[in-house]
């Protein structure tokens, strides 16, 4: 009986030691994957925005996609062995970090005050996530002592980084009054901040009516000062961007105010999300045309 009991206790100790080793490795790999995303934004993207250099941004976006795949793989490894709280916090990280990472890398031709502000906000949220995730991991593998009461207090009540990540991984006009002091911007106000141009001018319009235009054909100002005619008589709106140009947008004159608001919200998701972080909810037709990406909306009620 004694021998059997000793064998059982020894087996449990060995299993606990083996599991803890797996947890530590999974924690380290997951945190390193988070750091890789933060390093790309903090070192490379931020440097290029500082020098107003958008030539490397497509490469940074491709690198970000690769890092996010690796991050997803490391998260899958983590959840299989993680303790309860580590798993719960990592789920918030897995929901928000990919969005924040994509929001942090603007497209060429879109370096402005809005994109710089968004990159800085995303980086701040990413760093906060990493710091909180590290505290939770250290606590659950026994590296935070009982006497470290300030750290334990922060773990218990300092969940601000999770709330910040959730807030900053949403389009600004979808925030609540609690999430955005003073209230969220309207879709037009947000697009004005992002300097969205109308199809035929380089001046940001003073109101949403400035985007209203004739759709048969759309007259689009191109980089060399000439106009490109794109007939689309059945469409309600058109959004266009070439590889290096600014975003341009126009709405048909026969759209109603309600439809225009819906269109502006959809355009806001595409523009502020750099065509990667947020999906368009109205499912516009998207295709290449004239060396540009073109989105067309039809049948919106």
Protein backbone atom coordinates (compact mmCIF):
# COMPACT_ATOMS: atom_id res chain seq x y z
CA UNK A 1 0.00 0.00 0.00
CA UNK A 2 2.78 2.43 0.97
CA UNK A 3 4.72 1.64 -2.19
CA UNK A 4 1.64 2.24 -4.34
CA UNK A 5 0.96 5.57 -2.60
CA UNK A 6 4.57 6.70 -3.08
CA UNK A 7 4.39 5.76 -6.75
CA UNK A 8 1.19 7.78 -7.17
CA UNK A 9 2.60 10.86 -5.46
CA UNK A 10 5.82 10.64 -7.45
CA UNK A 11 3.89 10.35 -10.71
CA UNK A 12 1.81 13.41 -9.81
CA UNK A 13 4.92 15.43 -8.97
CA UNK A 14 6.57 14.45 -12.24
CA UNK A 15 3.43 15.30 -14.17
CA UNK A 16 3.21 18.69 -12.42
CA UNK A 17 6.86 19.41 -13.20
CA UNK A 18 6.39 18.40 -16.85
CA UNK A 19 3.26 20.55 -17.19
CA UNK A 20 4.93 23.57 -15.60
CA UNK A 21 7.84 23.29 -18.05
CA UNK A 22 5.38 23.24 -20.95
CA UNK A 23 3.56 26.27 -19.52
CA UNK A 24 6.76 28.28 -19.11
CA UNK A 25 7.86 27.54 -22.68
CA UNK A 26 4.41 28.34 -24.11
CA UNK A 27 4.33 31.58 -22.12
CA UNK A 28 7.76 32.59 -23.37
CA UNK A 29 6.93 31.81 -27.01
CA UNK A 30 3.61 33.64 -26.87
CA UNK A 31 5.11 36.72 -25.24
CA UNK A 32 7.96 36.73 -27.77
CA UNK A 33 5.37 36.69 -30.59
CA UNK A 34 3.73 39.73 -28.99
CA UNK A 35 7.09 41.46 -28.73
CA UNK A 36 7.80 40.87 -32.42
CA UNK A 37 4.63 42.73 -33.38
CA UNK A 38 5.45 45.58 -30.99
CA UNK A 39 9.03 45.82 -32.27
CA UNK A 40 7.85 46.12 -35.89
CA UNK A 41 5.51 48.98 -35.01
CA UNK A 42 7.71 50.71 -32.47
CA UNK A 43 10.99 50.53 -34.37
CA UNK A 44 10.26 50.34 -38.08
CA UNK A 45 6.77 51.73 -38.76
CA UNK A 46 7.13 54.60 -36.29
CA UNK A 47 10.52 55.52 -37.76
CA UNK A 48 9.12 55.70 -41.29
CA UNK A 49 6.17 57.81 -40.16
CA UNK A 50 8.55 60.15 -38.34
CA UNK A 51 10.53 60.71 -41.54
CA UNK A 52 7.36 60.81 -43.69
CA UNK A 53 8.72 57.89 -45.75
CA UNK A 54 6.09 55.49 -47.06
CA UNK A 55 8.27 53.38 -49.38
CA UNK A 56 8.76 50.57 -46.85
CA UNK A 57 5.16 50.46 -45.62
CA UNK A 58 4.02 47.67 -48.00
CA UNK A 59 6.92 45.55 -46.75
CA UNK A 60 6.00 46.29 -43.15
CA UNK A 61 2.40 45.26 -43.86
CA UNK A 62 3.60 41.95 -45.35
CA UNK A 63 5.87 41.39 -42.36
CA UNK A 64 2.97 42.14 -40.03
CA UNK A 65 0.86 39.47 -41.74
CA UNK A 66 3.64 36.92 -41.19
CA UNK A 67 4.07 37.91 -37.54
CA UNK A 68 0.33 37.63 -36.92
CA UNK A 69 0.31 34.09 -38.35
CA UNK A 70 3.15 33.18 -35.99
CA UNK A 71 1.32 34.89 -33.14
CA UNK A 72 -1.80 32.83 -33.83
CA UNK A 73 0.24 29.62 -33.82
CA UNK A 74 1.86 30.47 -30.48
CA UNK A 75 -1.53 31.34 -28.99
CA UNK A 76 -2.87 27.92 -30.06
CA UNK A 77 0.08 26.29 -28.27
CA UNK A 78 -0.50 28.42 -25.18
CA UNK A 79 -4.20 27.71 -24.63
CA UNK A 80 -3.59 23.96 -24.53
CA UNK A 81 -1.47 24.18 -21.36
CA UNK A 82 -2.16 27.63 -19.83
CA UNK A 83 -3.61 28.23 -16.40
CA UNK A 84 -7.13 29.66 -16.22
CA UNK A 85 -6.29 33.35 -15.88
CA UNK A 86 -3.49 33.26 -18.43
CA UNK A 87 -5.86 31.64 -20.90
CA UNK A 88 -8.61 34.20 -20.22
CA UNK A 89 -6.32 37.22 -20.67
CA UNK A 90 -4.66 35.67 -23.71
CA UNK A 91 -8.09 35.41 -25.35
CA UNK A 92 -8.47 39.20 -25.10
CA UNK A 93 -4.98 39.58 -26.53
CA UNK A 94 -5.80 37.19 -29.40
CA UNK A 95 -8.94 39.21 -30.21
CA UNK A 96 -7.33 42.63 -30.16
CA UNK A 97 -3.64 42.36 -31.05
CA UNK A 98 -4.15 41.40 -34.74
CA UNK A 99 -6.49 44.37 -35.22
CA UNK A 100 -4.14 46.76 -33.43
CA UNK A 101 -1.18 45.48 -35.44
CA UNK A 102 -2.92 46.14 -38.75
CA UNK A 103 -4.23 49.53 -37.61
CA UNK A 104 -0.64 50.53 -36.84
CA UNK A 105 0.65 50.13 -40.43
CA UNK A 106 -0.78 52.79 -42.76
CA UNK A 107 -0.92 52.48 -46.51
CA UNK A 108 1.41 54.46 -48.79
CA UNK A 109 -0.01 57.88 -49.58
CA UNK A 110 -1.85 58.05 -46.26
CA UNK A 111 0.78 59.38 -43.88
CA UNK A 112 -1.00 62.25 -42.12
CA UNK A 113 -1.94 63.40 -38.63
CA UNK A 114 -4.72 60.81 -38.38
CA UNK A 115 -2.59 57.81 -39.35
CA UNK A 116 0.26 58.92 -37.08
CA UNK A 117 -2.18 59.30 -34.19
CA UNK A 118 -3.69 55.87 -34.87
CA UNK A 119 -0.27 54.20 -35.01
CA UNK A 120 0.76 55.82 -31.72
CA UNK A 121 -2.51 54.80 -30.05
CA UNK A 122 -2.20 51.23 -31.32
CA UNK A 123 1.39 50.99 -30.12
CA UNK A 124 0.40 52.30 -26.69
CA UNK A 125 -2.36 49.68 -26.46
CA UNK A 126 0.00 46.90 -27.60
CA UNK A 127 2.60 47.80 -24.99
CA UNK A 128 -0.07 47.89 -22.28
CA UNK A 129 -1.35 44.47 -23.34
CA UNK A 130 2.15 43.00 -23.24
CA UNK A 131 2.90 44.43 -19.80
CA UNK A 132 -0.34 43.09 -18.32
CA UNK A 133 0.04 39.71 -20.02
CA UNK A 134 3.54 39.40 -18.56
CA UNK A 135 2.28 40.11 -15.03
CA UNK A 136 -0.42 37.45 -15.33
CA UNK A 137 2.02 34.87 -16.66
CA UNK A 138 4.56 35.54 -13.92
CA UNK A 139 1.86 35.29 -11.28
CA UNK A 140 0.50 31.95 -12.47
CA UNK A 141 3.90 30.29 -12.62
CA UNK A 142 4.67 31.46 -9.08
CA UNK A 143 7.13 34.28 -9.78
CA UNK A 144 5.20 36.99 -7.93
CA UNK A 145 5.45 36.59 -4.19
CA UNK A 146 2.66 37.16 -1.71
CA UNK A 147 4.52 40.14 -0.24
CA UNK A 148 4.49 41.98 -3.60
CA UNK A 149 1.14 43.54 -2.74
CA UNK A 150 1.37 46.41 -5.21
CA UNK A 151 1.84 44.03 -8.12
CA UNK A 152 -1.00 41.84 -6.86
CA UNK A 153 -3.22 44.90 -6.54
CA UNK A 154 -2.46 45.82 -10.16
CA UNK A 155 -3.24 42.29 -11.29
CA UNK A 156 -6.56 42.31 -9.50
CA UNK A 157 -7.79 45.80 -10.33
CA UNK A 158 -5.49 47.16 -13.04
CA UNK A 159 -7.34 45.76 -16.05
CA UNK A 160 -7.17 49.10 -17.88
CA UNK A 161 -4.85 47.74 -20.61
CA UNK A 162 -7.49 45.18 -21.62
CA UNK A 163 -10.20 47.85 -21.83
CA UNK A 164 -7.88 50.15 -23.78
CA UNK A 165 -7.07 47.40 -26.27
CA UNK A 166 -10.77 46.64 -26.79
CA UNK A 167 -11.54 50.33 -27.33
CA UNK A 168 -8.70 51.04 -29.74
CA UNK A 169 -9.45 47.98 -31.84
CA UNK A 170 -12.83 49.41 -32.89
CA UNK A 171 -13.65 52.13 -35.46
CA UNK A 172 -13.83 55.47 -33.65
CA UNK A 173 -17.44 56.19 -34.65
CA UNK A 174 -18.55 52.88 -33.08
CA UNK A 175 -17.31 53.84 -29.61
CA UNK A 176 -19.73 54.61 -26.80
CA UNK A 177 -19.85 57.85 -24.84
CA UNK A 178 -18.11 56.04 -21.96
CA UNK A 179 -15.30 54.86 -24.24
CA UNK A 180 -14.80 58.24 -25.96
CA UNK A 181 -15.02 61.30 -23.66
CA UNK A 182 -17.18 63.92 -25.34
CA UNK A 183 -18.78 61.32 -27.56
CA UNK A 184 -17.54 59.51 -30.68
CA UNK A 185 -17.07 61.37 -33.97
CA UNK A 186 -19.57 61.01 -36.76
CA UNK A 187 -18.42 59.02 -39.80
CA UNK A 188 -17.94 62.25 -41.75
CA UNK A 189 -15.96 63.90 -38.93
CA UNK A 190 -13.66 60.89 -38.79
CA UNK A 191 -13.14 60.86 -42.56
CA UNK A 192 -12.48 64.59 -42.52
CA UNK A 193 -9.75 63.99 -39.92
CA UNK A 194 -8.32 61.33 -42.23
CA UNK A 195 -8.33 63.89 -45.08
CA UNK A 196 -10.49 61.77 -47.40
CA UNK A 197 -10.61 63.58 -50.75
CA UNK A 198 -13.62 63.76 -53.05
CA UNK A 199 -13.18 62.19 -56.45
CA UNK A 200 -12.58 65.40 -58.38
CA UNK A 201 -10.70 67.65 -55.97
CA UNK A 202 -7.72 67.81 -53.63
CA UNK A 203 -9.67 69.83 -51.06
CA UNK A 204 -11.27 68.00 -48.13
CA UNK A 205 -14.98 68.98 -48.22
CA UNK A 206 -16.53 71.01 -45.41
CA UNK A 207 -19.46 68.60 -45.06
CA UNK A 208 -20.62 65.23 -46.33
CA UNK A 209 -22.42 66.87 -49.27
CA UNK A 210 -18.98 67.61 -50.70
CA UNK A 211 -18.67 63.94 -51.65
CA UNK A 212 -21.88 63.97 -53.73
CA UNK A 213 -21.20 63.74 -57.44
CA UNK A 214 -22.46 62.43 -60.78
CA UNK A 215 -21.97 58.69 -61.26
CA UNK A 216 -22.28 58.52 -65.06
CA UNK A 217 -19.38 58.77 -65.26
CA UNK A 218 -17.48 59.40 -62.07
CA UNK A 219 -14.79 62.00 -62.78
CA UNK A 220 -11.66 61.07 -60.79
CA UNK A 221 -8.71 63.40 -60.37
CA UNK A 222 -5.48 61.44 -60.87
CA UNK A 223 -1.97 62.28 -59.74
CA UNK A 224 -0.90 64.03 -62.94
CA UNK A 225 -3.77 66.53 -62.72
CA UNK A 226 -5.88 64.84 -65.37
CA UNK A 227 -9.27 63.24 -64.90
CA UNK A 228 -10.21 59.59 -65.27
CA UNK A 229 -13.79 58.83 -66.29
CA UNK A 230 -15.33 55.76 -64.67
CA UNK A 231 -18.96 55.16 -65.70
CA UNK A 232 -21.01 53.26 -63.13
CA UNK A 233 -24.61 54.50 -63.54
CA UNK A 234 -26.13 51.79 -61.33
CA UNK A 235 -23.79 52.39 -58.40
CA UNK A 236 -24.44 54.53 -55.33
CA UNK A 237 -20.83 55.27 -54.34
CA UNK A 238 -17.23 54.71 -55.36
CA UNK A 239 -14.03 54.57 -53.30
CA UNK A 240 -10.66 54.41 -55.05
CA UNK A 241 -6.98 54.26 -54.13
CA UNK A 242 -3.89 53.50 -56.16
CA UNK A 243 -0.73 52.01 -54.66
CA UNK A 244 0.72 55.41 -53.71
CA UNK A 245 -2.18 57.87 -53.90
CA UNK A 246 -4.62 59.24 -51.35
CA UNK A 247 -8.07 57.77 -50.83
CA UNK A 248 -10.85 59.35 -52.93
CA UNK A 249 -14.60 58.90 -52.53
CA UNK A 250 -17.82 59.98 -54.18
CA UNK A 251 -21.55 59.31 -53.67
CA UNK A 252 -24.26 59.47 -56.29
CA UNK A 253 -26.54 62.50 -56.11
CA UNK A 254 -29.65 60.32 -55.94
CA UNK A 255 -28.72 58.68 -52.61
CA UNK A 256 -30.80 59.53 -49.53
CA UNK A 257 -29.33 60.97 -46.30
CA UNK A 258 -29.83 57.60 -44.57
CA UNK A 259 -27.98 55.74 -47.33
CA UNK A 260 -25.21 58.33 -47.32
CA UNK A 261 -24.65 57.82 -43.59
CA UNK A 262 -24.42 54.06 -44.11
CA UNK A 263 -21.96 54.54 -46.97
CA UNK A 264 -19.76 56.88 -44.93
CA UNK A 265 -19.64 54.34 -42.10
CA UNK A 266 -18.55 51.60 -44.51
CA UNK A 267 -15.94 53.84 -46.10
CA UNK A 268 -14.71 54.76 -42.62
CA UNK A 269 -14.10 51.10 -41.82
CA UNK A 270 -12.08 50.61 -45.01
CA UNK A 271 -10.06 53.82 -44.83
CA UNK A 272 -9.20 53.83 -41.11
CA UNK A 273 -8.63 50.08 -41.15
CA UNK A 274 -6.14 50.37 -44.03
CA UNK A 275 -8.28 47.87 -45.96
CA UNK A 276 -7.22 45.09 -43.60
CA UNK A 277 -8.24 45.66 -39.99
CA UNK A 278 -12.02 46.11 -40.48
CA UNK A 279 -14.40 44.50 -42.94
CA UNK A 280 -16.88 46.56 -44.93
CA UNK A 281 -20.34 45.66 -43.63
CA UNK A 282 -22.28 46.58 -46.79
CA UNK A 283 -20.25 44.21 -48.97
CA UNK A 284 -19.20 46.56 -51.77
CA UNK A 285 -17.93 45.19 -55.06
CA UNK A 286 -14.11 45.37 -54.85
CA UNK A 287 -11.82 44.92 -57.83
CA UNK A 288 -8.67 46.38 -59.43
CA UNK A 289 -9.18 48.95 -62.17
CA UNK A 290 -6.80 51.42 -63.83
CA UNK A 291 -3.92 50.34 -61.54
CA UNK A 292 -6.05 51.12 -58.48
CA UNK A 293 -8.29 49.37 -56.00
CA UNK A 294 -11.94 50.31 -56.56
CA UNK A 295 -14.94 49.72 -54.30
CA UNK A 296 -18.48 50.15 -55.66
CA UNK A 297 -21.70 50.13 -53.61
CA UNK A 298 -25.04 49.16 -55.11
CA UNK A 299 -28.51 48.44 -53.78
CA UNK A 300 -28.04 49.97 -50.32
CA UNK A 301 -31.35 50.94 -48.69
